[in-house]
């Protein structure tokens, strides 16, 4: 059975590129427009999500807050989370790690780099 990855980004084009890359590698993909949308989908979803990839800067709820809130949900306490963002500062990375993010990939990214990071977080 294919692993399911949630992609959270306020940019439709980024969601599309990441989704196509992941689907091409055999993953199922669920998308969300921002942290608030993602959290609602996590709470309503019956599908096991194996990885959450989120942007940092988004309206309604940013990615770091999303990671903190998702980690409070029993079903997602141990789900790996990756930040995919234009933010490259050490302070933001520290905030992300502190919230529970396991990986940080800076945009623009190359699809092979994304798949390498994903493969380290989602075991077959």
N, C-alpha and C. Protein backbone atom coordinates (compact mmCIF):
# COMPACT_ATOMS: atom_id res chain seq x y z
N UNK A 1 0.84 -1.19 0.00
CA UNK A 1 0.00 0.00 0.00
C UNK A 1 0.89 1.25 0.00
N UNK A 2 0.50 2.22 -0.80
CA UNK A 2 1.30 3.45 -0.93
C UNK A 2 1.25 4.27 0.35
N UNK A 3 2.36 4.92 0.65
CA UNK A 3 2.44 5.83 1.80
C UNK A 3 1.75 7.14 1.41
N UNK A 4 1.14 7.80 2.39
CA UNK A 4 0.41 9.04 2.14
C UNK A 4 1.16 10.21 2.75
N UNK A 5 1.32 11.26 1.94
CA UNK A 5 2.02 12.47 2.36
C UNK A 5 1.08 13.66 2.23
N UNK A 6 1.04 14.49 3.26
CA UNK A 6 0.27 15.73 3.19
C UNK A 6 1.21 16.87 2.81
N UNK A 7 0.80 17.65 1.81
CA UNK A 7 1.58 18.80 1.35
C UNK A 7 0.79 20.07 1.70
N UNK A 8 1.41 20.96 2.48
CA UNK A 8 0.73 22.16 2.96
C UNK A 8 1.50 23.39 2.47
N UNK A 9 0.87 24.17 1.61
CA UNK A 9 1.50 25.39 1.10
C UNK A 9 0.42 26.31 0.58
N UNK A 10 0.56 27.62 0.81
CA UNK A 10 -0.44 28.57 0.32
C UNK A 10 -0.27 28.83 -1.18
N UNK A 11 0.82 28.36 -1.78
CA UNK A 11 1.05 28.53 -3.22
C UNK A 11 0.54 27.29 -3.96
N UNK A 12 -0.47 27.50 -4.82
CA UNK A 12 -1.03 26.39 -5.60
C UNK A 12 0.03 25.76 -6.49
N UNK A 13 0.93 26.57 -7.06
CA UNK A 13 1.95 26.02 -7.96
C UNK A 13 2.94 25.13 -7.19
N UNK A 14 3.31 25.52 -5.99
CA UNK A 14 4.21 24.69 -5.17
C UNK A 14 3.50 23.39 -4.80
N UNK A 15 2.24 23.48 -4.38
CA UNK A 15 1.49 22.26 -4.06
C UNK A 15 1.45 21.32 -5.25
N UNK A 16 1.26 21.90 -6.44
CA UNK A 16 1.17 21.08 -7.64
C UNK A 16 2.51 20.41 -7.98
N UNK A 17 3.61 21.17 -7.94
CA UNK A 17 4.93 20.62 -8.26
C UNK A 17 5.30 19.52 -7.26
N UNK A 18 5.11 19.79 -5.98
CA UNK A 18 5.45 18.80 -4.95
C UNK A 18 4.57 17.56 -5.11
N UNK A 19 3.28 17.76 -5.34
CA UNK A 19 2.35 16.64 -5.51
C UNK A 19 2.74 15.77 -6.70
N UNK A 20 3.03 16.41 -7.83
CA UNK A 20 3.42 15.64 -9.02
C UNK A 20 4.69 14.85 -8.78
N UNK A 21 5.65 15.47 -8.12
CA UNK A 21 6.91 14.79 -7.80
C UNK A 21 6.66 13.57 -6.93
N UNK A 22 5.86 13.74 -5.89
CA UNK A 22 5.58 12.64 -4.97
C UNK A 22 4.74 11.54 -5.62
N UNK A 23 3.72 11.93 -6.37
CA UNK A 23 2.87 10.94 -7.05
C UNK A 23 3.69 10.14 -8.05
N UNK A 24 4.62 10.83 -8.73
CA UNK A 24 5.49 10.15 -9.69
C UNK A 24 6.39 9.11 -9.03
N UNK A 25 6.63 9.29 -7.74
CA UNK A 25 7.46 8.35 -6.98
C UNK A 25 6.60 7.29 -6.27
N UNK A 26 5.29 7.32 -6.52
CA UNK A 26 4.41 6.28 -5.99
C UNK A 26 3.70 6.60 -4.68
N UNK A 27 3.75 7.85 -4.25
CA UNK A 27 3.08 8.23 -3.01
C UNK A 27 1.66 8.72 -3.28
N UNK A 28 0.79 8.55 -2.28
CA UNK A 28 -0.53 9.18 -2.29
C UNK A 28 -0.31 10.57 -1.70
N UNK A 29 -1.07 11.57 -2.19
CA UNK A 29 -0.87 12.94 -1.71
C UNK A 29 -2.20 13.58 -1.33
N UNK A 30 -2.19 14.23 -0.17
CA UNK A 30 -3.32 15.06 0.28
C UNK A 30 -2.75 16.47 0.39
N UNK A 31 -3.48 17.47 -0.12
CA UNK A 31 -2.97 18.85 -0.05
C UNK A 31 -3.84 19.71 0.87
N UNK A 32 -3.21 20.77 1.38
CA UNK A 32 -3.91 21.75 2.20
C UNK A 32 -3.36 23.13 1.86
N UNK A 33 -4.22 24.16 1.95
CA UNK A 33 -3.86 25.53 1.54
C UNK A 33 -3.06 26.30 2.59
N UNK A 34 -3.22 25.91 3.86
CA UNK A 34 -2.52 26.60 4.95
C UNK A 34 -2.60 25.70 6.18
N UNK A 35 -1.99 26.14 7.27
CA UNK A 35 -1.96 25.33 8.47
C UNK A 35 -3.32 25.00 9.05
N UNK A 36 -4.21 25.97 9.00
CA UNK A 36 -5.56 25.76 9.54
C UNK A 36 -6.30 24.69 8.73
N UNK A 37 -6.20 24.77 7.41
CA UNK A 37 -6.81 23.79 6.51
C UNK A 37 -6.20 22.41 6.78
N UNK A 38 -4.88 22.36 6.94
CA UNK A 38 -4.18 21.09 7.19
C UNK A 38 -4.64 20.47 8.50
N UNK A 39 -4.72 21.26 9.54
CA UNK A 39 -5.13 20.74 10.85
C UNK A 39 -6.55 20.19 10.79
N UNK A 40 -7.44 20.88 10.11
CA UNK A 40 -8.82 20.41 9.96
C UNK A 40 -8.83 19.07 9.21
N UNK A 41 -8.02 18.96 8.16
CA UNK A 41 -7.97 17.71 7.39
C UNK A 41 -7.34 16.59 8.21
N UNK A 42 -6.34 16.90 9.01
CA UNK A 42 -5.73 15.88 9.86
C UNK A 42 -6.76 15.33 10.86
N UNK A 43 -7.55 16.23 11.44
CA UNK A 43 -8.53 15.81 12.43
C UNK A 43 -9.68 15.02 11.82
N UNK A 44 -10.01 15.31 10.55
CA UNK A 44 -11.13 14.65 9.88
C UNK A 44 -10.71 13.39 9.12
N UNK A 45 -9.43 13.29 8.80
CA UNK A 45 -8.94 12.23 7.93
C UNK A 45 -8.83 10.89 8.63
N UNK A 46 -9.29 9.85 7.95
CA UNK A 46 -9.18 8.49 8.48
C UNK A 46 -7.96 7.77 7.88
N UNK A 47 -7.36 8.38 6.87
CA UNK A 47 -6.19 7.79 6.23
C UNK A 47 -4.96 8.06 7.08
N UNK A 48 -4.09 7.08 7.22
CA UNK A 48 -2.83 7.27 7.95
C UNK A 48 -1.91 8.14 7.09
N UNK A 49 -1.50 9.26 7.62
CA UNK A 49 -0.57 10.14 6.91
C UNK A 49 0.82 9.83 7.45
N UNK A 50 1.74 9.51 6.53
CA UNK A 50 3.08 9.06 6.90
C UNK A 50 4.10 10.18 6.99
N UNK A 51 3.78 11.34 6.39
CA UNK A 51 4.69 12.48 6.40
C UNK A 51 3.89 13.74 6.11
N UNK A 52 4.26 14.83 6.78
CA UNK A 52 3.66 16.14 6.49
C UNK A 52 4.78 17.05 6.01
N UNK A 53 4.60 17.64 4.83
CA UNK A 53 5.55 18.61 4.28
C UNK A 53 4.83 19.95 4.29
N UNK A 54 5.40 20.93 4.98
CA UNK A 54 4.72 22.21 5.11
C UNK A 54 5.64 23.40 4.86
N UNK A 55 5.05 24.44 4.31
CA UNK A 55 5.71 25.74 4.16
C UNK A 55 5.75 26.37 5.56
N UNK A 56 6.57 27.39 5.74
CA UNK A 56 6.60 28.10 7.01
C UNK A 56 5.63 29.29 6.97
N UNK A 57 5.81 30.17 5.99
CA UNK A 57 5.02 31.41 5.94
C UNK A 57 3.72 31.20 5.16
N UNK A 58 2.61 31.16 5.90
CA UNK A 58 1.29 30.99 5.29
C UNK A 58 0.28 31.80 6.08
N UNK A 59 -0.82 32.22 5.43
CA UNK A 59 -1.88 32.92 6.16
C UNK A 59 -2.63 31.95 7.08
N UNK A 60 -3.39 32.47 7.98
CA UNK A 60 -4.25 31.75 8.94
C UNK A 60 -3.46 30.96 9.98
N UNK A 61 -2.52 30.11 9.55
CA UNK A 61 -1.67 29.39 10.50
C UNK A 61 -0.36 29.04 9.79
N UNK A 62 0.76 29.48 10.38
CA UNK A 62 2.05 29.21 9.75
C UNK A 62 2.47 27.76 9.99
N UNK A 63 3.50 27.34 9.28
CA UNK A 63 3.95 25.95 9.34
C UNK A 63 4.49 25.52 10.69
N UNK A 64 5.18 26.41 11.39
CA UNK A 64 5.74 26.03 12.68
C UNK A 64 4.62 25.80 13.70
N UNK A 65 3.60 26.65 13.66
CA UNK A 65 2.44 26.44 14.53
C UNK A 65 1.72 25.15 14.14
N UNK A 66 1.61 24.88 12.85
CA UNK A 66 0.98 23.63 12.39
C UNK A 66 1.72 22.42 12.96
N UNK A 67 3.05 22.42 12.89
CA UNK A 67 3.82 21.29 13.42
C UNK A 67 3.52 21.11 14.91
N UNK A 68 3.54 22.21 15.67
CA UNK A 68 3.25 22.13 17.11
C UNK A 68 1.86 21.56 17.37
N UNK A 69 0.86 22.06 16.62
CA UNK A 69 -0.52 21.62 16.83
C UNK A 69 -0.73 20.18 16.39
N UNK A 70 -0.13 19.79 15.29
CA UNK A 70 -0.27 18.41 14.79
C UNK A 70 0.37 17.43 15.77
N UNK A 71 1.48 17.81 16.39
CA UNK A 71 2.16 16.94 17.35
C UNK A 71 1.32 16.72 18.61
N UNK A 72 0.35 17.61 18.87
CA UNK A 72 -0.54 17.45 20.01
C UNK A 72 -1.62 16.39 19.76
N UNK A 73 -1.85 16.07 18.48
CA UNK A 73 -2.87 15.08 18.13
C UNK A 73 -2.27 13.69 18.31
N UNK A 74 -2.91 12.81 19.09
CA UNK A 74 -2.34 11.48 19.34
C UNK A 74 -1.96 10.71 18.07
N UNK A 75 -2.77 10.82 17.03
CA UNK A 75 -2.49 10.07 15.79
C UNK A 75 -1.25 10.59 15.05
N UNK A 76 -0.83 11.82 15.33
CA UNK A 76 0.29 12.42 14.59
C UNK A 76 1.48 12.79 15.47
N UNK A 77 1.45 12.35 16.71
CA UNK A 77 2.52 12.67 17.66
C UNK A 77 3.89 12.23 17.13
N UNK A 78 3.93 11.09 16.43
CA UNK A 78 5.20 10.55 15.95
C UNK A 78 5.36 10.66 14.43
N UNK A 79 4.44 11.36 13.77
CA UNK A 79 4.52 11.51 12.31
C UNK A 79 5.64 12.48 11.97
N UNK A 80 6.57 12.09 11.07
CA UNK A 80 7.64 13.02 10.69
C UNK A 80 7.08 14.21 9.92
N UNK A 81 7.72 15.36 10.13
CA UNK A 81 7.30 16.60 9.46
C UNK A 81 8.52 17.29 8.88
N UNK A 82 8.34 17.78 7.65
CA UNK A 82 9.42 18.46 6.94
C UNK A 82 8.97 19.87 6.56
N UNK A 83 9.87 20.83 6.73
CA UNK A 83 9.58 22.19 6.31
C UNK A 83 10.14 22.38 4.90
N UNK A 84 9.32 22.92 4.01
CA UNK A 84 9.74 23.24 2.64
C UNK A 84 9.44 24.72 2.46
N UNK A 85 10.48 25.56 2.48
CA UNK A 85 10.26 26.99 2.64
C UNK A 85 11.36 27.83 2.01
N UNK A 86 11.11 29.10 1.85
CA UNK A 86 12.15 30.04 1.40
C UNK A 86 13.00 30.49 2.58
N UNK A 87 12.54 30.22 3.80
CA UNK A 87 13.26 30.61 5.02
C UNK A 87 14.52 29.77 5.18
N UNK A 88 15.67 30.44 5.31
CA UNK A 88 16.92 29.71 5.46
C UNK A 88 17.69 30.12 6.71
N UNK A 89 17.10 31.01 7.51
CA UNK A 89 17.83 31.51 8.69
C UNK A 89 17.93 30.42 9.76
N UNK A 90 19.03 30.45 10.49
CA UNK A 90 19.24 29.48 11.56
C UNK A 90 18.18 29.60 12.65
N UNK A 91 17.73 30.83 12.92
CA UNK A 91 16.73 31.00 13.97
C UNK A 91 15.41 30.32 13.59
N UNK A 92 15.01 30.45 12.32
CA UNK A 92 13.78 29.78 11.86
C UNK A 92 13.95 28.27 11.92
N UNK A 93 15.13 27.78 11.50
CA UNK A 93 15.38 26.34 11.55
C UNK A 93 15.32 25.83 12.98
N UNK A 94 15.85 26.62 13.92
CA UNK A 94 15.80 26.25 15.33
C UNK A 94 14.35 26.18 15.81
N UNK A 95 13.55 27.17 15.39
CA UNK A 95 12.13 27.17 15.76
C UNK A 95 11.44 25.91 15.21
N UNK A 96 11.76 25.59 13.97
CA UNK A 96 11.17 24.41 13.34
C UNK A 96 11.55 23.13 14.07
N UNK A 97 12.84 22.99 14.39
CA UNK A 97 13.31 21.81 15.12
C UNK A 97 12.66 21.75 16.51
N UNK A 98 12.57 22.91 17.14
CA UNK A 98 11.94 22.97 18.46
C UNK A 98 10.48 22.54 18.43
N UNK A 99 9.81 22.84 17.32
CA UNK A 99 8.40 22.46 17.17
C UNK A 99 8.25 20.97 16.88
N UNK A 100 9.30 20.37 16.31
CA UNK A 100 9.23 18.94 16.00
C UNK A 100 9.53 18.59 14.55
N UNK A 101 9.93 19.56 13.73
CA UNK A 101 10.25 19.27 12.32
C UNK A 101 11.54 18.45 12.26
N UNK A 102 11.56 17.45 11.39
CA UNK A 102 12.71 16.55 11.27
C UNK A 102 13.62 16.91 10.10
N UNK A 103 13.13 17.73 9.17
CA UNK A 103 13.94 18.09 8.00
C UNK A 103 13.56 19.49 7.54
N UNK A 104 14.49 20.14 6.83
CA UNK A 104 14.30 21.50 6.34
C UNK A 104 14.84 21.58 4.93
N UNK A 105 13.99 21.86 3.96
CA UNK A 105 14.41 21.97 2.57
C UNK A 105 14.05 23.37 2.09
N UNK A 106 15.03 24.05 1.49
CA UNK A 106 14.83 25.44 1.06
C UNK A 106 14.40 25.49 -0.40
N UNK A 107 13.37 26.32 -0.67
CA UNK A 107 12.91 26.59 -2.04
C UNK A 107 13.85 27.60 -2.67
N UNK A 108 14.06 27.57 -3.97
CA UNK A 108 13.58 26.54 -4.88
C UNK A 108 14.35 25.24 -4.66
N UNK A 109 13.67 24.14 -4.92
CA UNK A 109 14.27 22.82 -4.68
C UNK A 109 14.27 22.02 -5.98
N UNK A 110 15.12 21.03 -6.04
CA UNK A 110 15.13 20.10 -7.17
C UNK A 110 14.35 18.86 -6.74
N UNK A 111 13.47 18.33 -7.59
CA UNK A 111 12.69 17.14 -7.21
C UNK A 111 13.53 15.99 -6.65
N UNK A 112 14.71 15.69 -7.21
CA UNK A 112 15.49 14.59 -6.60
C UNK A 112 15.89 14.87 -5.14
N UNK A 113 16.16 16.15 -4.83
CA UNK A 113 16.49 16.51 -3.45
C UNK A 113 15.30 16.25 -2.53
N UNK A 114 14.11 16.62 -3.01
CA UNK A 114 12.90 16.39 -2.23
C UNK A 114 12.69 14.90 -1.98
N UNK A 115 12.82 14.09 -3.03
CA UNK A 115 12.60 12.65 -2.89
C UNK A 115 13.64 12.00 -1.98
N UNK A 116 14.87 12.49 -2.01
CA UNK A 116 15.91 11.96 -1.12
C UNK A 116 15.53 12.25 0.33
N UNK A 117 15.10 13.49 0.60
CA UNK A 117 14.70 13.85 1.97
C UNK A 117 13.49 13.03 2.41
N UNK A 118 12.52 12.88 1.52
CA UNK A 118 11.31 12.11 1.84
C UNK A 118 11.67 10.66 2.15
N UNK A 119 12.56 10.08 1.35
CA UNK A 119 12.91 8.67 1.55
C UNK A 119 13.59 8.43 2.90
N UNK A 120 14.26 9.47 3.42
CA UNK A 120 14.89 9.32 4.75
C UNK A 120 13.87 9.40 5.88
N UNK A 121 12.73 10.02 5.61
CA UNK A 121 11.70 10.21 6.65
C UNK A 121 10.58 9.17 6.58
N UNK A 122 10.34 8.62 5.40
CA UNK A 122 9.25 7.65 5.22
C UNK A 122 9.88 6.31 4.86
N UNK A 123 9.88 5.43 5.82
CA UNK A 123 10.45 4.11 5.58
C UNK A 123 9.47 3.24 4.80
N UNK A 124 9.98 2.41 3.89
CA UNK A 124 9.09 1.57 3.08
C UNK A 124 8.29 0.58 3.91
